[in-house]
Amino acid sequence: MKQRLAQIALVVRDYDEAIQFYTEILKFDLIEDTQLTPSKRWVIVQPPGAQGCRLLLAKAVGSEQMSRIGNQTGGRVFLFLYTDNFRRDYEFLKMKGIKFVRDPSEESYGIVAVFADLYGNLIDLIEPRSAEV
């Protein structure tokens, strides 16, 4: 049997503001932006050079979904973004005004810092010690 995770849904307030953040600040590639209905789009982004899992930016509908924006994991880290150059990306994100909630630290698995996306979801920026970027 062969399986893989293809996409993870990220509940967002607005498609365009989420696209702007993920493509202009995090430098993700916009893979698809298809209008499905007058109020629903299929929007997929992924880190540059990525071969794995993508993010499906899903606009919240109703109070239940709206309550999840920025807190998809109950305050835990939501995404783990691997990089091949921690210092480059850390300095770039700081320059772009990204709020880091945990300063860089050397861990057994690599260098890591935690930042918040535009809604408050926490993301680990990691340069792993192994070559698994």
C-alpha atoms as a PDB file:
ATOM      1  CA  MET A   1       0.000   0.000   0.000  1.00  0.00           C
ATOM      2  CA  LYS A   2       1.214   3.520  -0.788  1.00  0.00           C
ATOM      3  CA  GLN A   3      -0.324   6.682   0.651  1.00  0.00           C
ATOM      4  CA  ARG A   4       0.673  10.301   1.244  1.00  0.00           C
ATOM      5  CA  LEU A   5      -0.853  13.484   2.588  1.00  0.00           C
ATOM      6  CA  ALA A   6      -1.548  15.733  -0.370  1.00  0.00           C
ATOM      7  CA  GLN A   7      -3.014  18.843   1.262  1.00  0.00           C
ATOM      8  CA  ILE A   8      -3.859  20.299   4.641  1.00  0.00           C
ATOM      9  CA  ALA A   9      -6.784  22.701   4.929  1.00  0.00           C
ATOM     10  CA  LEU A  10      -6.013  26.001   6.614  1.00  0.00           C
ATOM     11  CA  VAL A  11      -9.100  27.987   7.619  1.00  0.00           C
ATOM     12  CA  VAL A  12      -8.659  31.637   6.605  1.00  0.00           C
ATOM     13  CA  ARG A  13     -10.710  34.816   6.920  1.00  0.00           C
ATOM     14  CA  ASP A  14     -10.161  35.973   3.339  1.00  0.00           C
ATOM     15  CA  TYR A  15      -8.666  34.255   0.301  1.00  0.00           C
ATOM     16  CA  ASP A  16      -6.753  37.247  -1.015  1.00  0.00           C
ATOM     17  CA  GLU A  17      -5.164  38.305   2.291  1.00  0.00           C
ATOM     18  CA  ALA A  18      -4.095  34.691   2.912  1.00  0.00           C
ATOM     19  CA  ILE A  19      -2.661  34.373  -0.611  1.00  0.00           C
ATOM     20  CA  GLN A  20      -0.777  37.634  -0.128  1.00  0.00           C
ATOM     21  CA  PHE A  21       0.724  36.492   3.171  1.00  0.00           C
ATOM     22  CA  TYR A  22       1.734  33.035   2.014  1.00  0.00           C
ATOM     23  CA  THR A  23       3.096  34.125  -1.382  1.00  0.00           C
ATOM     24  CA  GLU A  24       4.611  37.537  -0.611  1.00  0.00           C
ATOM     25  CA  ILE A  25       5.809  37.042   2.962  1.00  0.00           C
ATOM     26  CA  LEU A  26       6.546  33.309   3.137  1.00  0.00           C
ATOM     27  CA  LYS A  27       7.394  33.140  -0.597  1.00  0.00           C
ATOM     28  CA  PHE A  28       5.170  30.110  -1.190  1.00  0.00           C
ATOM     29  CA  ASP A  29       4.128  29.325  -4.745  1.00  0.00           C
ATOM     30  CA  LEU A  30       0.488  29.793  -5.709  1.00  0.00           C
ATOM     31  CA  ILE A  31      -0.324  26.440  -7.308  1.00  0.00           C
ATOM     32  CA  GLU A  32      -4.021  26.940  -7.989  1.00  0.00           C
ATOM     33  CA  ASP A  33      -6.732  29.558  -7.530  1.00  0.00           C
ATOM     34  CA  THR A  34      -9.963  28.325  -9.093  1.00  0.00           C
ATOM     35  CA  GLN A  35     -13.386  29.905  -8.589  1.00  0.00           C
ATOM     36  CA  LEU A  36     -15.821  27.092  -7.693  1.00  0.00           C
ATOM     37  CA  THR A  37     -18.903  29.135  -6.803  1.00  0.00           C
ATOM     38  CA  PRO A  38     -19.476  32.873  -6.384  1.00  0.00           C
ATOM     39  CA  SER A  39     -18.232  32.587  -2.772  1.00  0.00           C
ATOM     40  CA  LYS A  40     -15.893  29.561  -2.829  1.00  0.00           C
ATOM     41  CA  ARG A  41     -12.436  29.136  -4.366  1.00  0.00           C
ATOM     42  CA  TRP A  42      -9.994  26.242  -4.507  1.00  0.00           C
ATOM     43  CA  VAL A  43      -6.698  27.871  -3.461  1.00  0.00           C
ATOM     44  CA  ILE A  44      -3.519  25.845  -3.047  1.00  0.00           C
ATOM     45  CA  VAL A  45      -0.077  27.119  -2.022  1.00  0.00           C
ATOM     46  CA  GLN A  46       3.178  25.327  -1.260  1.00  0.00           C
ATOM     47  CA  PRO A  47       6.719  26.234  -0.222  1.00  0.00           C
ATOM     48  CA  PRO A  48       9.145  26.902  -3.087  1.00  0.00           C
ATOM     49  CA  GLY A  49      10.747  23.726  -4.375  1.00  0.00           C
ATOM     50  CA  ALA A  50       8.448  21.526  -2.292  1.00  0.00           C
ATOM     51  CA  GLN A  51       7.447  18.073  -3.446  1.00  0.00           C
ATOM     52  CA  GLY A  52       5.184  17.142  -0.553  1.00  0.00           C
ATOM     53  CA  CYS A  53       2.146  18.399   1.239  1.00  0.00           C
ATOM     54  CA  ARG A  54       0.412  21.607   0.131  1.00  0.00           C
ATOM     55  CA  LEU A  55      -1.876  24.035   1.946  1.00  0.00           C
ATOM     56  CA  LEU A  56      -5.468  24.419   0.867  1.00  0.00           C
ATOM     57  CA  LEU A  57      -6.560  27.918   1.909  1.00  0.00           C
ATOM     58  CA  ALA A  58     -10.199  27.444   2.909  1.00  0.00           C
ATOM     59  CA  LYS A  59     -12.329  30.511   3.617  1.00  0.00           C
ATOM     60  CA  ALA A  60     -14.270  30.133   6.844  1.00  0.00           C
ATOM     61  CA  VAL A  61     -18.048  29.940   6.555  1.00  0.00           C
ATOM     62  CA  GLY A  62     -20.215  30.400   9.639  1.00  0.00           C
ATOM     63  CA  SER A  63     -19.384  31.029  13.269  1.00  0.00           C
ATOM     64  CA  GLU A  64     -17.985  27.545  13.967  1.00  0.00           C
ATOM     65  CA  GLN A  65     -15.333  27.817  11.237  1.00  0.00           C
ATOM     66  CA  MET A  66     -14.670  31.490  12.004  1.00  0.00           C
ATOM     67  CA  SER A  67     -13.840  30.503  15.594  1.00  0.00           C
ATOM     68  CA  ARG A  68     -11.005  28.280  14.298  1.00  0.00           C
ATOM     69  CA  ILE A  69      -9.152  30.991  12.372  1.00  0.00           C
ATOM     70  CA  GLY A  70      -5.733  31.381  13.966  1.00  0.00           C
ATOM     71  CA  ASN A  71      -6.246  28.515  16.391  1.00  0.00           C
ATOM     72  CA  GLN A  72      -6.483  25.369  14.332  1.00  0.00           C
ATOM     73  CA  THR A  73      -4.492  23.321  16.834  1.00  0.00           C
ATOM     74  CA  GLY A  74      -5.559  24.760  20.171  1.00  0.00           C
ATOM     75  CA  GLY A  75      -2.425  26.861  20.573  1.00  0.00           C
ATOM     76  CA  ARG A  76       0.108  24.222  19.528  1.00  0.00           C
ATOM     77  CA  VAL A  77       2.410  24.541  16.546  1.00  0.00           C
ATOM     78  CA  PHE A  78       0.363  23.948  13.402  1.00  0.00           C
ATOM     79  CA  LEU A  79       2.966  23.641  10.638  1.00  0.00           C
ATOM     80  CA  PHE A  80       6.624  22.649  10.469  1.00  0.00           C
ATOM     81  CA  LEU A  81       8.403  24.569   7.695  1.00  0.00           C
ATOM     82  CA  TYR A  82      11.791  23.072   6.836  1.00  0.00           C
ATOM     83  CA  THR A  83      14.437  25.274   5.233  1.00  0.00           C
ATOM     84  CA  ASP A  84      17.874  24.718   3.771  1.00  0.00           C
ATOM     85  CA  ASN A  85      19.115  28.019   5.279  1.00  0.00           C
ATOM     86  CA  PHE A  86      17.670  29.010   8.640  1.00  0.00           C
ATOM     87  CA  ARG A  87      19.523  32.337   9.038  1.00  0.00           C
ATOM     88  CA  ARG A  88      18.552  33.544   5.566  1.00  0.00           C
ATOM     89  CA  ASP A  89      14.862  32.795   6.085  1.00  0.00           C
ATOM     90  CA  TYR A  90      14.768  33.936   9.714  1.00  0.00           C
ATOM     91  CA  GLU A  91      16.286  37.333   8.838  1.00  0.00           C
ATOM     92  CA  PHE A  92      14.003  37.699   5.800  1.00  0.00           C
ATOM     93  CA  LEU A  93      10.878  36.975   7.853  1.00  0.00           C
ATOM     94  CA  LYS A  94      11.957  39.396  10.595  1.00  0.00           C
ATOM     95  CA  MET A  95      12.538  42.063   7.934  1.00  0.00           C
ATOM     96  CA  LYS A  96       9.005  41.416   6.654  1.00  0.00           C
ATOM     97  CA  GLY A  97       7.608  42.059  10.147  1.00  0.00           C
ATOM     98  CA  ILE A  98       6.872  38.475  11.121  1.00  0.00           C
ATOM     99  CA  LYS A  99       6.282  38.021  14.841  1.00  0.00           C
ATOM    100  CA  PHE A 100       8.511  35.322  16.313  1.00  0.00           C
ATOM    101  CA  VAL A 101       7.055  33.891  19.501  1.00  0.00           C
ATOM    102  CA  ARG A 102      10.117  31.765  20.285  1.00  0.00           C
ATOM    103  CA  ASP A 103      13.677  32.831  19.504  1.00  0.00           C
ATOM    104  CA  PRO A 104      16.031  30.578  17.541  1.00  0.00           C
ATOM    105  CA  SER A 105      17.514  27.668  19.439  1.00  0.00           C
ATOM    106  CA  GLU A 106      19.835  24.778  18.659  1.00  0.00           C
ATOM    107  CA  GLU A 107      18.072  21.481  19.243  1.00  0.00           C
ATOM    108  CA  SER A 108      19.132  17.888  18.663  1.00  0.00           C
ATOM    109  CA  TYR A 109      17.166  17.855  15.387  1.00  0.00           C
ATOM    110  CA  GLY A 110      18.359  21.255  14.104  1.00  0.00           C
ATOM    111  CA  ILE A 111      17.897  25.017  14.447  1.00  0.00           C
ATOM    112  CA  VAL A 112      14.313  26.133  15.176  1.00  0.00           C
ATOM    113  CA  ALA A 113      12.262  29.246  15.909  1.00  0.00           C
ATOM    114  CA  VAL A 114       8.500  29.655  16.151  1.00  0.00           C
ATOM    115  CA  PHE A 115       6.537  32.384  14.385  1.00  0.00           C
ATOM    116  CA  ALA A 116       2.876  33.248  13.914  1.00  0.00           C
ATOM    117  CA  ASP A 117       1.121  33.544  10.564  1.00  0.00           C
ATOM    118  CA  LEU A 118      -1.208  36.445   9.809  1.00  0.00           C
ATOM    119  CA  TYR A 119      -3.971  34.862  11.910  1.00  0.00           C
ATOM    120  CA  GLY A 120      -1.868  33.629  14.825  1.00  0.00           C
ATOM    121  CA  ASN A 121      -1.332  29.990  13.803  1.00  0.00           C
ATOM    122  CA  LEU A 122       2.093  28.894  15.025  1.00  0.00           C
ATOM    123  CA  ILE A 123       4.725  27.666  12.594  1.00  0.00           C
ATOM    124  CA  ASP A 124       8.127  26.147  13.352  1.00  0.00           C
ATOM    125  CA  LEU A 125      10.899  27.328  11.036  1.00  0.00           C
ATOM    126  CA  ILE A 126      13.422  24.495  11.089  1.00  0.00           C
ATOM    127  CA  GLU A 127      16.754  23.811   9.467  1.00  0.00           C
ATOM    128  CA  PRO A 128      17.097  20.092  10.191  1.00  0.00           C
ATOM    129  CA  ARG A 129      20.483  18.577  10.950  1.00  0.00           C
ATOM    130  CA  SER A 130      19.880  15.888   8.342  1.00  0.00           C
ATOM    131  CA  ALA A 131      19.421  16.639   4.652  1.00  0.00           C
ATOM    132  CA  GLU A 132      15.644  16.127   4.641  1.00  0.00           C
ATOM    133  CA  VAL A 133      14.539  19.595   3.456  1.00  0.00           C
END
